[in-house]
Amino acid sequence: QVQLVESGGGLVQAGGSLRLSCVASGIIFSINDMGWYRQAPGKQRELVARISSGGSTNYTDSVKGRFTISRDNGNKIVYLQMNSLKPEDTAHYYCNAHWADYGIDYWGKGTLVTVSS
């Protein structure tokens, strides 16, 4: 059974930092591309950052220079370090595992990040 469990969300003031973690089980973690998505109230879910199985990263423009995605294949964890947080970063953040060879996606249940002004 595949599980992605996020943690690290919470309430923070603008300009602050949070680190999200996602622990995976039930998948061959090292061959999956891993990503963080977010969904704000009334908006569509959007990709925030992705890290490939090979370690390549990409970010949505609004978080470049502020957020950093990383992965620990040995412990099956993907992180999202979020610095200089802004109120517009407020959203539910979801961990995603993408098995490219089969086009399969797995999702966590999300963690809420709230940034106050």
Protein backbone atom coordinates (compact mmCIF):
# COMPACT_ATOMS: atom_id res chain seq x y z
CA GLN A 1 0.00 0.00 0.00
CA VAL A 2 1.39 3.34 -1.08
CA GLN A 3 1.44 6.11 1.48
CA LEU A 4 2.73 9.64 1.29
CA VAL A 5 2.57 11.44 4.61
CA GLU A 6 3.24 15.16 4.77
CA SER A 7 4.22 17.14 7.84
CA GLY A 8 5.67 20.51 8.76
CA GLY A 9 2.82 22.82 7.91
CA GLY A 10 1.56 25.48 10.26
CA LEU A 11 1.04 29.16 10.87
CA VAL A 12 3.93 31.53 10.22
CA GLN A 13 4.33 35.26 9.80
CA ALA A 14 5.27 36.77 6.48
CA GLY A 15 9.01 36.56 5.97
CA GLY A 16 9.28 33.40 8.03
CA SER A 17 10.30 29.88 7.08
CA LEU A 18 8.88 26.39 7.19
CA ARG A 19 10.18 23.03 6.07
CA LEU A 20 7.73 20.48 4.77
CA SER A 21 8.54 16.78 4.79
CA CYS A 22 6.93 13.91 2.95
CA VAL A 23 7.67 10.35 3.98
CA ALA A 24 6.92 7.71 1.38
CA SER A 25 6.22 4.02 1.80
CA GLY A 26 5.10 1.28 -0.52
CA ILE A 27 6.91 2.67 -3.57
CA ILE A 28 10.34 2.35 -5.10
CA PHE A 29 11.13 5.88 -4.02
CA SER A 30 14.36 6.34 -5.94
CA ILE A 31 12.76 5.87 -9.36
CA ASN A 32 9.88 8.26 -8.76
CA ASP A 33 9.87 11.92 -9.60
CA MET A 34 8.70 13.72 -6.47
CA GLY A 35 6.83 16.98 -6.30
CA TRP A 36 5.06 19.44 -4.09
CA TYR A 37 1.78 20.95 -5.21
CA ARG A 38 -0.45 23.45 -3.48
CA GLN A 39 -4.06 24.46 -3.60
CA ALA A 40 -5.35 27.73 -2.20
CA PRO A 41 -9.05 28.25 -1.44
CA GLY A 42 -10.99 28.76 -4.64
CA LYS A 43 -8.00 28.00 -6.84
CA GLN A 44 -6.75 25.05 -8.82
CA ARG A 45 -3.98 22.84 -7.57
CA GLU A 46 -0.64 23.99 -8.95
CA LEU A 47 2.85 22.57 -9.11
CA VAL A 48 5.22 24.29 -6.69
CA ALA A 49 8.41 22.28 -7.16
CA ARG A 50 9.54 18.98 -8.59
CA ILE A 51 12.66 16.88 -8.27
CA SER A 52 13.32 14.10 -10.71
CA SER A 53 14.64 10.67 -9.87
CA GLY A 54 17.99 11.96 -11.10
CA GLY A 55 17.92 15.04 -8.91
CA SER A 56 16.96 17.71 -11.43
CA THR A 57 14.69 20.37 -10.00
CA ASN A 58 12.20 22.84 -11.31
CA TYR A 59 10.05 25.47 -9.62
CA THR A 60 7.07 27.58 -10.39
CA ASP A 61 8.16 31.17 -11.01
CA SER A 62 6.54 32.59 -7.89
CA VAL A 63 8.73 30.53 -5.54
CA LYS A 64 12.07 30.61 -7.36
CA GLY A 65 14.80 31.81 -5.06
CA ARG A 66 12.67 31.23 -1.96
CA PHE A 67 11.82 27.52 -1.95
CA THR A 68 14.15 24.55 -2.27
CA ILE A 69 13.11 20.96 -2.92
CA SER A 70 15.38 18.08 -1.98
CA ARG A 71 15.17 14.34 -1.52
CA ASP A 72 16.68 11.65 0.68
CA ASN A 73 16.39 8.40 -1.21
CA GLY A 74 17.73 6.30 1.63
CA ASN A 75 14.99 7.40 4.00
CA LYS A 76 12.34 7.94 1.29
CA ILE A 77 11.74 11.57 2.21
CA VAL A 78 11.24 14.63 0.07
CA TYR A 79 11.55 18.08 1.60
CA LEU A 80 10.39 21.53 0.70
CA GLN A 81 12.30 24.31 2.42
CA MET A 82 10.24 27.49 2.24
CA ASN A 83 11.87 30.81 3.07
CA SER A 84 10.66 34.40 2.84
CA LEU A 85 7.09 33.22 2.98
CA LYS A 86 4.35 35.48 1.72
CA PRO A 87 0.61 35.54 2.48
CA GLU A 88 -0.01 34.34 -1.07
CA ASP A 89 1.84 31.13 -0.23
CA THR A 90 -1.07 30.17 2.03
CA ALA A 91 -2.48 26.87 0.80
CA HIS A 92 -2.76 23.17 1.38
CA TYR A 93 0.50 21.60 0.23
CA TYR A 94 0.43 18.10 -1.25
CA CYS A 95 3.20 15.64 -1.86
CA ASN A 96 3.20 13.81 -5.19
CA ALA A 97 5.08 10.78 -6.45
CA HIS A 98 5.12 10.28 -10.20
CA TRP A 99 6.20 6.97 -11.70
CA ALA A 100 7.01 8.18 -15.19
CA ASP A 101 7.39 4.76 -16.86
CA TYR A 102 3.76 3.92 -16.11
CA GLY A 103 2.20 7.38 -15.81
CA ILE A 104 1.09 6.66 -12.26
CA ASP A 105 0.63 9.37 -9.64
CA TYR A 106 0.33 9.02 -5.90
CA TRP A 107 -0.79 11.77 -3.54
CA GLY A 108 -0.56 12.57 0.11
CA LYS A 109 -3.43 14.05 2.08
CA GLY A 110 -1.80 17.44 2.41
CA THR A 111 -0.56 19.81 5.07
CA LEU A 112 -1.83 23.33 5.61
CA VAL A 113 0.49 26.32 5.42
CA THR A 114 -0.89 29.64 6.58
CA VAL A 115 1.16 32.81 6.23
CA SER A 116 -0.09 35.85 8.10
CA SER A 117 0.67 39.39 7.04
